[in-house]
Amino acid sequence: MGAYTRKTALSPQDVMEQAAKLLPEAIGLSRTGGSSHEAKYAGAEGTLELDAHRHGAYTTVVAKTDKLRTSRIDYEVQRFLNRLPYEPGDRGGPGSGEPKD
């Protein structure tokens, strides 16, 4: 199982909106449950639990998968987390080694 944590300037709602927009397309996952600050996804690549909780000016995002850290779902989850803006004013987006959207 893989578990990843990321601090972001986005609100939990914004994190969940970004996840809903990017993860189904990138990994082929469907949302199977959750609330305003957590989401559960499942698909052929595996399952994902995503939690986002606000702590002061930042949101802590925790993503857990049911696959090994070398799986496709883990790779795409790490890409998603790395795209979240870290500090207020950051634009977020792909890293320097990735193609621009």
Protein backbone atom coordinates (compact mmCIF):
# COMPACT_ATOMS: atom_id res chain seq x y z
CA MET A 1 0.00 0.00 0.00
CA GLY A 2 1.18 3.48 -0.81
CA ALA A 3 0.54 6.51 1.39
CA TYR A 4 1.42 10.06 0.43
CA THR A 5 1.04 13.43 2.16
CA ARG A 6 1.12 16.92 0.65
CA LYS A 7 0.66 20.38 2.12
CA THR A 8 -1.14 22.84 -0.16
CA ALA A 9 -2.51 26.36 -0.11
CA LEU A 10 -5.77 25.12 -1.67
CA SER A 11 -8.88 24.60 0.44
CA PRO A 12 -10.15 21.03 0.98
CA GLN A 13 -13.02 21.79 -1.41
CA ASP A 14 -10.58 22.93 -4.11
CA VAL A 15 -8.48 19.78 -3.62
CA MET A 16 -11.56 17.59 -4.02
CA GLU A 17 -12.62 19.51 -7.15
CA GLN A 18 -9.15 19.08 -8.68
CA ALA A 19 -9.20 15.37 -7.82
CA ALA A 20 -12.65 14.93 -9.39
CA LYS A 21 -11.44 16.66 -12.54
CA LEU A 22 -8.05 14.95 -12.94
CA LEU A 23 -8.07 11.49 -11.36
CA PRO A 24 -10.92 9.81 -13.26
CA GLU A 25 -9.35 10.77 -16.59
CA ALA A 26 -5.74 10.08 -15.62
CA ILE A 27 -6.30 6.71 -13.93
CA GLY A 28 -9.81 5.63 -14.91
CA LEU A 29 -11.18 5.80 -11.39
CA SER A 30 -14.79 6.37 -10.36
CA ARG A 31 -15.78 8.03 -7.11
CA THR A 32 -17.40 5.47 -4.82
CA GLY A 33 -17.98 7.57 -1.69
CA GLY A 34 -16.77 10.30 0.57
CA SER A 35 -17.74 13.67 1.98
CA SER A 36 -16.68 17.31 1.63
CA HIS A 37 -13.17 16.53 2.88
CA GLU A 38 -12.64 12.93 1.79
CA ALA A 39 -13.18 10.86 -1.31
CA LYS A 40 -12.93 7.21 -2.21
CA TYR A 41 -12.19 6.10 -5.75
CA ALA A 42 -12.00 2.67 -7.37
CA GLY A 43 -11.15 1.33 -10.81
CA ALA A 44 -9.19 -1.28 -12.72
CA GLU A 45 -5.89 0.16 -11.43
CA GLY A 46 -6.91 -0.12 -7.75
CA THR A 47 -8.49 1.99 -5.01
CA LEU A 48 -7.67 5.41 -3.60
CA GLU A 49 -8.68 7.15 -0.38
CA LEU A 50 -8.10 10.91 -0.41
CA ASP A 51 -8.43 13.07 2.71
CA ALA A 52 -8.02 16.85 2.86
CA HIS A 53 -8.12 18.78 6.15
CA ARG A 54 -7.47 22.48 6.71
CA HIS A 55 -4.88 23.48 9.31
CA GLY A 56 -4.53 27.27 9.46
CA ALA A 57 -3.47 28.65 6.10
CA TYR A 58 -2.78 25.21 4.62
CA THR A 59 -4.57 22.00 3.78
CA THR A 60 -2.96 18.63 4.47
CA VAL A 61 -3.82 16.10 1.79
CA VAL A 62 -3.32 12.38 2.48
CA ALA A 63 -3.68 9.84 -0.32
CA LYS A 64 -3.67 6.08 0.30
CA THR A 65 -3.76 3.39 -2.36
CA ASP A 66 -4.08 -0.38 -2.18
CA LYS A 67 -1.19 -1.00 -4.59
CA LEU A 68 2.59 -1.01 -4.39
CA ARG A 69 4.43 2.28 -4.72
CA THR A 70 5.56 1.26 -8.20
CA SER A 71 2.02 0.88 -9.61
CA ARG A 72 0.38 3.17 -12.15
CA ILE A 73 -2.19 4.42 -9.63
CA ASP A 74 0.58 5.41 -7.22
CA TYR A 75 2.50 7.19 -9.98
CA GLU A 76 -0.59 9.19 -11.03
CA VAL A 77 -1.51 10.02 -7.42
CA GLN A 78 2.00 11.37 -6.83
CA ARG A 79 1.71 13.46 -10.02
CA PHE A 80 -1.65 14.82 -8.83
CA LEU A 81 -0.28 15.79 -5.42
CA ASN A 82 2.79 17.44 -6.95
CA ARG A 83 0.55 19.62 -9.12
CA LEU A 84 -1.18 21.18 -6.09
CA PRO A 85 0.13 24.68 -5.32
CA TYR A 86 2.36 24.56 -2.26
CA GLU A 87 2.33 28.20 -1.10
CA PRO A 88 -0.29 30.95 -1.51
CA GLY A 89 0.34 32.57 -4.88
CA ASP A 90 1.82 29.43 -6.47
CA ARG A 91 0.14 28.43 -9.71
CA GLY A 92 0.61 24.68 -9.32
CA GLY A 93 0.62 22.53 -12.42
CA PRO A 94 3.02 20.05 -13.98
CA GLY A 95 6.60 19.76 -12.81
CA SER A 96 9.54 20.87 -14.92
CA GLY A 97 9.98 17.38 -16.36
CA GLU A 98 6.38 16.98 -17.49
CA PRO A 99 4.64 18.22 -20.62
CA LYS A 100 2.55 21.36 -20.11
CA ASP A 101 -1.23 20.89 -20.17
